[in-house]
Amino acid sequence: MTKEKIIEEFIEKGANLEHERWARWQEYMFSKFVEHSNGKGEYVCLSSDLFKRWSRQIKTPYSNLTEAEKESDRKETRNYIPLLEQALAQQKEEIKEMIEGMKLKFGKEHNRDSNCDLNYVNGYNQALTEILNKLTK
């Protein structure tokens, strides 16, 4: 899979997660509204406490939020970890396949060359094998 395809897939899945996050927030927020009737029609309103709290949070940089407020944002961010892990795993698999291909090609090219230093070929393949081992851990 190409880098562009991995990014495109990440964005699409991330957008889905973002929509789910937004929907959870909207459902929660709507549950806090109270219906009223004033004779001219019905309307909903939000408690003054919630309005003040959310207005403050909107204006507050993340670094200045309370620890509980930060944890709420962290909880939502953790939903992205599986998506990120999947994208990294795809990229790792692509690199692994590329290195395996390099080993095969390099070995075939230099096995035909009688003047090739066998230690050099072995060292090259060993280095690629070490990279592969690190990628598959």
N, C-alpha and C. Protein backbone atom coordinates (compact mmCIF):
# COMPACT_ATOMS: atom_id res chain seq x y z
N MET A 1 0.86 -1.18 0.00
CA MET A 1 0.00 0.00 0.00
C MET A 1 0.90 1.24 0.00
N THR A 2 0.56 2.21 -0.79
CA THR A 2 1.39 3.42 -0.89
C THR A 2 1.17 4.32 0.32
N LYS A 3 2.13 5.21 0.54
CA LYS A 3 2.02 6.17 1.63
C LYS A 3 0.75 7.00 1.48
N GLU A 4 0.45 7.42 0.26
CA GLU A 4 -0.75 8.22 0.01
C GLU A 4 -2.01 7.45 0.37
N LYS A 5 -2.04 6.16 0.04
CA LYS A 5 -3.21 5.32 0.35
C LYS A 5 -3.35 5.14 1.86
N ILE A 6 -2.23 4.94 2.55
CA ILE A 6 -2.26 4.79 4.02
C ILE A 6 -2.82 6.08 4.64
N ILE A 7 -2.34 7.23 4.16
CA ILE A 7 -2.81 8.52 4.70
C ILE A 7 -4.29 8.71 4.39
N GLU A 8 -4.68 8.40 3.16
CA GLU A 8 -6.10 8.54 2.78
C GLU A 8 -7.00 7.68 3.66
N GLU A 9 -6.57 6.44 3.90
CA GLU A 9 -7.35 5.53 4.75
C GLU A 9 -7.38 6.04 6.19
N PHE A 10 -6.24 6.55 6.68
CA PHE A 10 -6.18 7.10 8.03
C PHE A 10 -7.15 8.27 8.17
N ILE A 11 -7.15 9.16 7.19
CA ILE A 11 -8.04 10.33 7.24
C ILE A 11 -9.50 9.90 7.25
N GLU A 12 -9.85 8.94 6.40
CA GLU A 12 -11.24 8.49 6.33
C GLU A 12 -11.68 7.85 7.64
N LYS A 13 -10.83 6.99 8.19
CA LYS A 13 -11.17 6.34 9.47
C LYS A 13 -11.14 7.36 10.61
N GLY A 14 -10.21 8.31 10.54
CA GLY A 14 -10.16 9.37 11.55
C GLY A 14 -11.40 10.25 11.50
N ALA A 15 -11.87 10.54 10.30
CA ALA A 15 -13.09 11.35 10.15
C ALA A 15 -14.28 10.61 10.74
N ASN A 16 -14.31 9.29 10.57
CA ASN A 16 -15.38 8.50 11.16
C ASN A 16 -15.32 8.58 12.69
N LEU A 17 -14.11 8.44 13.25
CA LEU A 17 -13.94 8.56 14.70
C LEU A 17 -14.34 9.96 15.19
N GLU A 18 -13.96 10.98 14.44
CA GLU A 18 -14.29 12.35 14.82
C GLU A 18 -15.80 12.55 14.80
N HIS A 19 -16.49 11.98 13.82
CA HIS A 19 -17.95 12.08 13.78
C HIS A 19 -18.57 11.38 14.99
N GLU A 20 -18.04 10.21 15.33
CA GLU A 20 -18.55 9.49 16.50
C GLU A 20 -18.33 10.30 17.78
N ARG A 21 -17.15 10.95 17.88
CA ARG A 21 -16.87 11.79 19.04
C ARG A 21 -17.85 12.95 19.11
N TRP A 22 -18.04 13.60 17.97
CA TRP A 22 -18.96 14.74 17.90
C TRP A 22 -20.38 14.30 18.26
N ALA A 23 -20.82 13.15 17.75
CA ALA A 23 -22.17 12.66 18.04
C ALA A 23 -22.34 12.37 19.54
N ARG A 24 -21.31 11.79 20.16
CA ARG A 24 -21.39 11.54 21.62
C ARG A 24 -21.55 12.86 22.37
N TRP A 25 -20.75 13.86 21.96
CA TRP A 25 -20.82 15.16 22.61
C TRP A 25 -22.20 15.80 22.41
N GLN A 26 -22.71 15.76 21.19
CA GLN A 26 -24.02 16.36 20.93
C GLN A 26 -25.12 15.67 21.73
N GLU A 27 -25.06 14.36 21.81
CA GLU A 27 -26.05 13.60 22.59
C GLU A 27 -25.97 14.02 24.07
N TYR A 28 -24.76 14.11 24.58
CA TYR A 28 -24.58 14.54 25.97
C TYR A 28 -25.09 15.96 26.17
N MET A 29 -24.69 16.86 25.26
CA MET A 29 -25.08 18.25 25.39
C MET A 29 -26.60 18.41 25.31
N PHE A 30 -27.23 17.75 24.36
CA PHE A 30 -28.68 17.85 24.22
C PHE A 30 -29.40 17.31 25.45
N SER A 31 -28.77 16.34 26.12
CA SER A 31 -29.42 15.80 27.33
C SER A 31 -29.44 16.83 28.46
N LYS A 32 -28.65 17.88 28.34
CA LYS A 32 -28.57 18.92 29.38
C LYS A 32 -29.55 20.07 29.14
N PHE A 33 -30.17 20.11 27.96
CA PHE A 33 -31.15 21.16 27.69
C PHE A 33 -32.46 20.84 28.38
N VAL A 34 -33.19 21.88 28.75
CA VAL A 34 -34.48 21.74 29.41
C VAL A 34 -35.54 22.39 28.52
N GLU A 35 -36.66 21.67 28.29
CA GLU A 35 -37.74 22.22 27.47
C GLU A 35 -38.62 23.14 28.31
N HIS A 36 -39.05 24.21 27.67
CA HIS A 36 -39.94 25.18 28.33
C HIS A 36 -41.01 25.60 27.34
N SER A 37 -42.07 26.13 27.89
CA SER A 37 -43.13 26.70 27.06
C SER A 37 -43.48 28.05 27.65
N ASN A 38 -43.60 29.05 26.79
CA ASN A 38 -43.89 30.39 27.30
C ASN A 38 -45.21 30.94 26.75
N GLY A 39 -46.06 30.07 26.26
CA GLY A 39 -47.32 30.51 25.69
C GLY A 39 -47.21 30.86 24.22
N LYS A 40 -46.05 31.24 23.78
CA LYS A 40 -45.82 31.57 22.36
C LYS A 40 -45.21 30.38 21.61
N GLY A 41 -44.83 29.40 22.33
CA GLY A 41 -44.20 28.23 21.72
C GLY A 41 -43.25 27.58 22.70
N GLU A 42 -42.70 26.48 22.26
CA GLU A 42 -41.75 25.76 23.11
C GLU A 42 -40.32 26.15 22.74
N TYR A 43 -39.46 26.07 23.71
CA TYR A 43 -38.05 26.35 23.48
C TYR A 43 -37.23 25.53 24.47
N VAL A 44 -35.95 25.45 24.23
CA VAL A 44 -35.05 24.74 25.15
C VAL A 44 -34.01 25.72 25.65
N CYS A 45 -33.56 25.45 26.84
CA CYS A 45 -32.49 26.30 27.38
C CYS A 45 -31.51 25.43 28.16
N LEU A 46 -30.37 26.00 28.41
CA LEU A 46 -29.28 25.34 29.10
C LEU A 46 -29.11 26.01 30.46
N SER A 47 -28.76 25.22 31.45
CA SER A 47 -28.57 25.82 32.77
C SER A 47 -27.43 26.84 32.71
N SER A 48 -27.53 27.83 33.52
CA SER A 48 -26.51 28.89 33.58
C SER A 48 -25.15 28.32 33.94
N ASP A 49 -25.13 27.35 34.86
CA ASP A 49 -23.86 26.74 35.29
C ASP A 49 -23.13 26.06 34.12
N LEU A 50 -23.88 25.26 33.34
CA LEU A 50 -23.26 24.58 32.20
C LEU A 50 -22.81 25.59 31.14
N PHE A 51 -23.64 26.59 30.89
CA PHE A 51 -23.28 27.61 29.90
C PHE A 51 -21.97 28.29 30.30
N LYS A 52 -21.86 28.67 31.56
CA LYS A 52 -20.64 29.34 32.03
C LYS A 52 -19.42 28.42 31.96
N ARG A 53 -19.62 27.16 32.38
CA ARG A 53 -18.50 26.21 32.37
C ARG A 53 -18.01 25.97 30.95
N TRP A 54 -18.91 25.69 30.03
CA TRP A 54 -18.51 25.40 28.65
C TRP A 54 -17.94 26.65 27.97
N SER A 55 -18.47 27.79 28.29
CA SER A 55 -17.92 29.04 27.73
C SER A 55 -16.48 29.24 28.20
N ARG A 56 -16.23 28.95 29.48
CA ARG A 56 -14.88 29.06 30.01
C ARG A 56 -13.95 28.06 29.33
N GLN A 57 -14.41 26.82 29.16
CA GLN A 57 -13.57 25.79 28.55
C GLN A 57 -13.24 26.13 27.09
N ILE A 58 -14.19 26.71 26.39
CA ILE A 58 -13.95 27.10 24.99
C ILE A 58 -12.79 28.09 24.90
N LYS A 59 -12.72 28.99 25.84
CA LYS A 59 -11.70 30.05 25.82
C LYS A 59 -10.38 29.63 26.47
N THR A 60 -10.35 28.49 27.11
CA THR A 60 -9.18 28.06 27.88
C THR A 60 -8.28 27.16 27.06
N PRO A 61 -6.99 27.48 26.96
CA PRO A 61 -6.05 26.56 26.29
C PRO A 61 -5.99 25.23 27.05
N TYR A 62 -5.70 24.17 26.34
CA TYR A 62 -5.63 22.84 26.96
C TYR A 62 -4.72 22.86 28.19
N SER A 63 -3.58 23.50 28.09
CA SER A 63 -2.60 23.49 29.18
C SER A 63 -3.15 24.11 30.47
N ASN A 64 -4.18 24.93 30.35
CA ASN A 64 -4.75 25.58 31.54
C ASN A 64 -6.04 24.92 32.04
N LEU A 65 -6.45 23.84 31.41
CA LEU A 65 -7.64 23.12 31.89
C LEU A 65 -7.34 22.42 33.21
N THR A 66 -8.40 22.07 33.94
CA THR A 66 -8.20 21.28 35.16
C THR A 66 -7.75 19.89 34.76
N GLU A 67 -7.22 19.14 35.69
CA GLU A 67 -6.75 17.78 35.38
C GLU A 67 -7.93 16.90 34.94
N ALA A 68 -9.09 17.07 35.53
CA ALA A 68 -10.28 16.29 35.13
C ALA A 68 -10.70 16.63 33.70
N GLU A 69 -10.63 17.90 33.34
CA GLU A 69 -10.98 18.33 31.98
C GLU A 69 -9.97 17.78 30.97
N LYS A 70 -8.70 17.80 31.35
CA LYS A 70 -7.66 17.24 30.47
C LYS A 70 -7.90 15.74 30.27
N GLU A 71 -8.23 15.05 31.34
CA GLU A 71 -8.45 13.60 31.25
C GLU A 71 -9.63 13.29 30.33
N SER A 72 -10.64 14.13 30.33
CA SER A 72 -11.77 13.95 29.42
C SER A 72 -11.29 14.02 27.97
N ASP A 73 -10.42 14.97 27.66
CA ASP A 73 -9.87 15.09 26.31
C ASP A 73 -8.94 13.91 25.99
N ARG A 74 -8.18 13.46 26.97
CA ARG A 74 -7.29 12.31 26.76
C ARG A 74 -8.12 11.05 26.45
N LYS A 75 -9.22 10.90 27.16
CA LYS A 75 -10.10 9.75 26.94
C LYS A 75 -10.56 9.71 25.49
N GLU A 76 -10.96 10.84 24.95
CA GLU A 76 -11.40 10.90 23.56
C GLU A 76 -10.23 10.63 22.61
N THR A 77 -9.06 11.13 22.93
CA THR A 77 -7.88 10.95 22.07
C THR A 77 -7.46 9.49 22.02
N ARG A 78 -7.65 8.75 23.10
CA ARG A 78 -7.27 7.33 23.13
C ARG A 78 -8.03 6.53 22.07
N ASN A 79 -9.17 7.01 21.64
CA ASN A 79 -9.93 6.32 20.59
C ASN A 79 -9.16 6.27 19.27
N TYR A 80 -8.18 7.15 19.09
CA TYR A 80 -7.42 7.20 17.85
C TYR A 80 -6.23 6.24 17.84
N ILE A 81 -5.87 5.69 18.98
CA ILE A 81 -4.69 4.83 19.06
C ILE A 81 -4.79 3.61 18.14
N PRO A 82 -5.89 2.86 18.13
CA PRO A 82 -5.95 1.71 17.22
C PRO A 82 -5.81 2.11 15.75
N LEU A 83 -6.35 3.24 15.39
CA LEU A 83 -6.23 3.73 14.02
C LEU A 83 -4.77 4.04 13.68
N LEU A 84 -4.09 4.67 14.58
CA LEU A 84 -2.68 5.00 14.38
C LEU A 84 -1.83 3.72 14.31
N GLU A 85 -2.12 2.78 15.21
CA GLU A 85 -1.38 1.51 15.21
C GLU A 85 -1.57 0.77 13.89
N GLN A 86 -2.77 0.80 13.36
CA GLN A 86 -3.04 0.13 12.09
C GLN A 86 -2.26 0.78 10.95
N ALA A 87 -2.24 2.10 10.92
CA ALA A 87 -1.51 2.81 9.87
C ALA A 87 -0.01 2.50 9.97
N LEU A 88 0.53 2.49 11.18
CA LEU A 88 1.95 2.18 11.36
C LEU A 88 2.27 0.74 10.97
N ALA A 89 1.36 -0.18 11.29
CA ALA A 89 1.56 -1.58 10.94
C ALA A 89 1.57 -1.75 9.42
N GLN A 90 0.70 -1.04 8.73
CA GLN A 90 0.67 -1.11 7.27
C GLN A 90 1.98 -0.59 6.69
N GLN A 91 2.46 0.52 7.24
CA GLN A 91 3.71 1.09 6.75
C GLN A 91 4.87 0.14 7.04
N LYS A 92 4.87 -0.46 8.22
CA LYS A 92 5.93 -1.38 8.59
C LYS A 92 5.94 -2.59 7.65
N GLU A 93 4.77 -3.10 7.30
CA GLU A 93 4.68 -4.24 6.39
C GLU A 93 5.21 -3.87 5.02
N GLU A 94 4.91 -2.68 4.58
CA GLU A 94 5.41 -2.20 3.29
C GLU A 94 6.94 -2.13 3.28
N ILE A 95 7.52 -1.61 4.35
CA ILE A 95 8.98 -1.51 4.46
C ILE A 95 9.59 -2.91 4.50
N LYS A 96 8.96 -3.80 5.25
CA LYS A 96 9.45 -5.18 5.36
C LYS A 96 9.50 -5.84 3.99
N GLU A 97 8.42 -5.69 3.21
CA GLU A 97 8.38 -6.28 1.87
C GLU A 97 9.46 -5.66 0.97
N MET A 98 9.66 -4.37 1.11
CA MET A 98 10.67 -3.69 0.30
C MET A 98 12.07 -4.22 0.64
N ILE A 99 12.35 -4.40 1.91
CA ILE A 99 13.68 -4.89 2.32
C ILE A 99 13.88 -6.33 1.87
N GLU A 100 12.84 -7.15 1.99
CA GLU A 100 12.96 -8.54 1.51
C GLU A 100 13.28 -8.55 0.02
N GLY A 101 12.61 -7.67 -0.73
CA GLY A 101 12.88 -7.57 -2.16
C GLY A 101 14.30 -7.12 -2.44
N MET A 102 14.80 -6.19 -1.63
CA MET A 102 16.18 -5.71 -1.80
C MET A 102 17.17 -6.84 -1.54
N LYS A 103 16.91 -7.64 -0.52
CA LYS A 103 17.81 -8.76 -0.20
C LYS A 103 17.88 -9.74 -1.35
N LEU A 104 16.71 -10.09 -1.90
CA LEU A 104 16.68 -11.05 -3.00
C LEU A 104 17.40 -10.49 -4.23
N LYS A 105 17.09 -9.25 -4.58
CA LYS A 105 17.69 -8.63 -5.76
C LYS A 105 19.21 -8.50 -5.58
N PHE A 106 19.64 -8.03 -4.42
CA PHE A 106 21.06 -7.84 -4.18
C PHE A 106 21.79 -9.17 -4.24
N GLY A 107 21.22 -10.18 -3.62
CA GLY A 107 21.84 -11.50 -3.61
C GLY A 107 21.97 -12.09 -5.00
N LYS A 108 20.90 -11.96 -5.81
CA LYS A 108 20.94 -12.50 -7.18
C LYS A 108 21.96 -11.75 -8.03
N GLU A 109 21.99 -10.43 -7.90
CA GLU A 109 22.92 -9.64 -8.71
C GLU A 109 24.37 -9.98 -8.39
N HIS A 110 24.67 -10.14 -7.11
CA HIS A 110 26.07 -10.33 -6.71
C HIS A 110 26.50 -11.79 -6.72
N ASN A 111 25.55 -12.71 -6.73
CA ASN A 111 25.94 -14.12 -6.84
C ASN A 111 26.43 -14.43 -8.25
N ARG A 112 26.02 -13.62 -9.25
CA ARG A 112 26.47 -13.81 -10.62
C ARG A 112 27.87 -13.24 -10.84
N ASP A 113 28.27 -12.35 -9.96
CA ASP A 113 29.56 -11.65 -10.13
C ASP A 113 30.64 -12.41 -9.36
N SER A 114 31.52 -13.10 -10.10
CA SER A 114 32.55 -13.90 -9.43
C SER A 114 33.55 -13.05 -8.68
N ASN A 115 33.67 -11.77 -9.01
CA ASN A 115 34.60 -10.88 -8.34
C ASN A 115 34.01 -10.25 -7.06
N CYS A 116 32.74 -10.53 -6.81
CA CYS A 116 32.06 -9.90 -5.65
C CYS A 116 32.61 -10.47 -4.35
N ASP A 117 32.82 -9.61 -3.39
CA ASP A 117 33.29 -10.01 -2.07
C ASP A 117 32.12 -10.62 -1.29
N LEU A 118 32.20 -11.90 -1.00
CA LEU A 118 31.12 -12.61 -0.31
C LEU A 118 30.85 -12.01 1.07
N ASN A 119 31.89 -11.52 1.74
CA ASN A 119 31.69 -10.89 3.05
C ASN A 119 30.81 -9.65 2.93
N TYR A 120 31.01 -8.91 1.83
CA TYR A 120 30.20 -7.71 1.60
C TYR A 120 28.72 -8.08 1.43
N VAL A 121 28.45 -9.08 0.61
CA VAL A 121 27.07 -9.54 0.37
C VAL A 121 26.46 -10.02 1.67
N ASN A 122 27.21 -10.82 2.41
CA ASN A 122 26.70 -11.34 3.68
C ASN A 122 26.44 -10.21 4.68
N GLY A 123 27.33 -9.25 4.72
CA GLY A 123 27.15 -8.11 5.62
C GLY A 123 25.92 -7.29 5.26
N TYR A 124 25.72 -7.08 3.97
CA TYR A 124 24.55 -6.34 3.48
C TYR A 124 23.27 -7.06 3.88
N ASN A 125 23.23 -8.37 3.61
CA ASN A 125 22.04 -9.15 3.95
C ASN A 125 21.83 -9.21 5.46
N GLN A 126 22.89 -9.27 6.23
CA GLN A 126 22.78 -9.29 7.68
C GLN A 126 22.19 -7.96 8.19
N ALA A 127 22.65 -6.86 7.62
CA ALA A 127 22.13 -5.54 8.02
C ALA A 127 20.65 -5.44 7.71
N LEU A 128 20.26 -5.89 6.54
CA LEU A 128 18.83 -5.86 6.18
C LEU A 128 18.02 -6.78 7.08
N THR A 129 18.58 -7.92 7.43
CA THR A 129 17.89 -8.86 8.32
C THR A 129 17.69 -8.24 9.71
N GLU A 130 18.71 -7.52 10.20
CA GLU A 130 18.58 -6.85 11.50
C GLU A 130 17.48 -5.79 11.46
N ILE A 131 17.41 -5.05 10.35
CA ILE A 131 16.33 -4.05 10.21
C ILE A 131 14.98 -4.76 10.23
N LEU A 132 14.86 -5.85 9.49
CA LEU A 132 13.61 -6.60 9.48
C LEU A 132 13.23 -7.10 10.87
N ASN A 133 14.22 -7.60 11.60
CA ASN A 133 13.95 -8.09 12.95
C ASN A 133 13.42 -6.98 13.85
N LYS A 134 13.99 -5.78 13.73
CA LYS A 134 13.51 -4.65 14.53
C LYS A 134 12.10 -4.25 14.13
N LEU A 135 11.80 -4.34 12.84
CA LEU A 135 10.46 -3.97 12.36
C LEU A 135 9.40 -4.96 12.82
N THR A 136 9.77 -6.22 12.98
CA THR A 136 8.77 -7.23 13.32
C THR A 136 8.61 -7.45 14.81
N LYS A 137 9.34 -6.69 15.60
CA LYS A 137 9.19 -6.81 17.07
C LYS A 137 7.96 -6.10 17.54
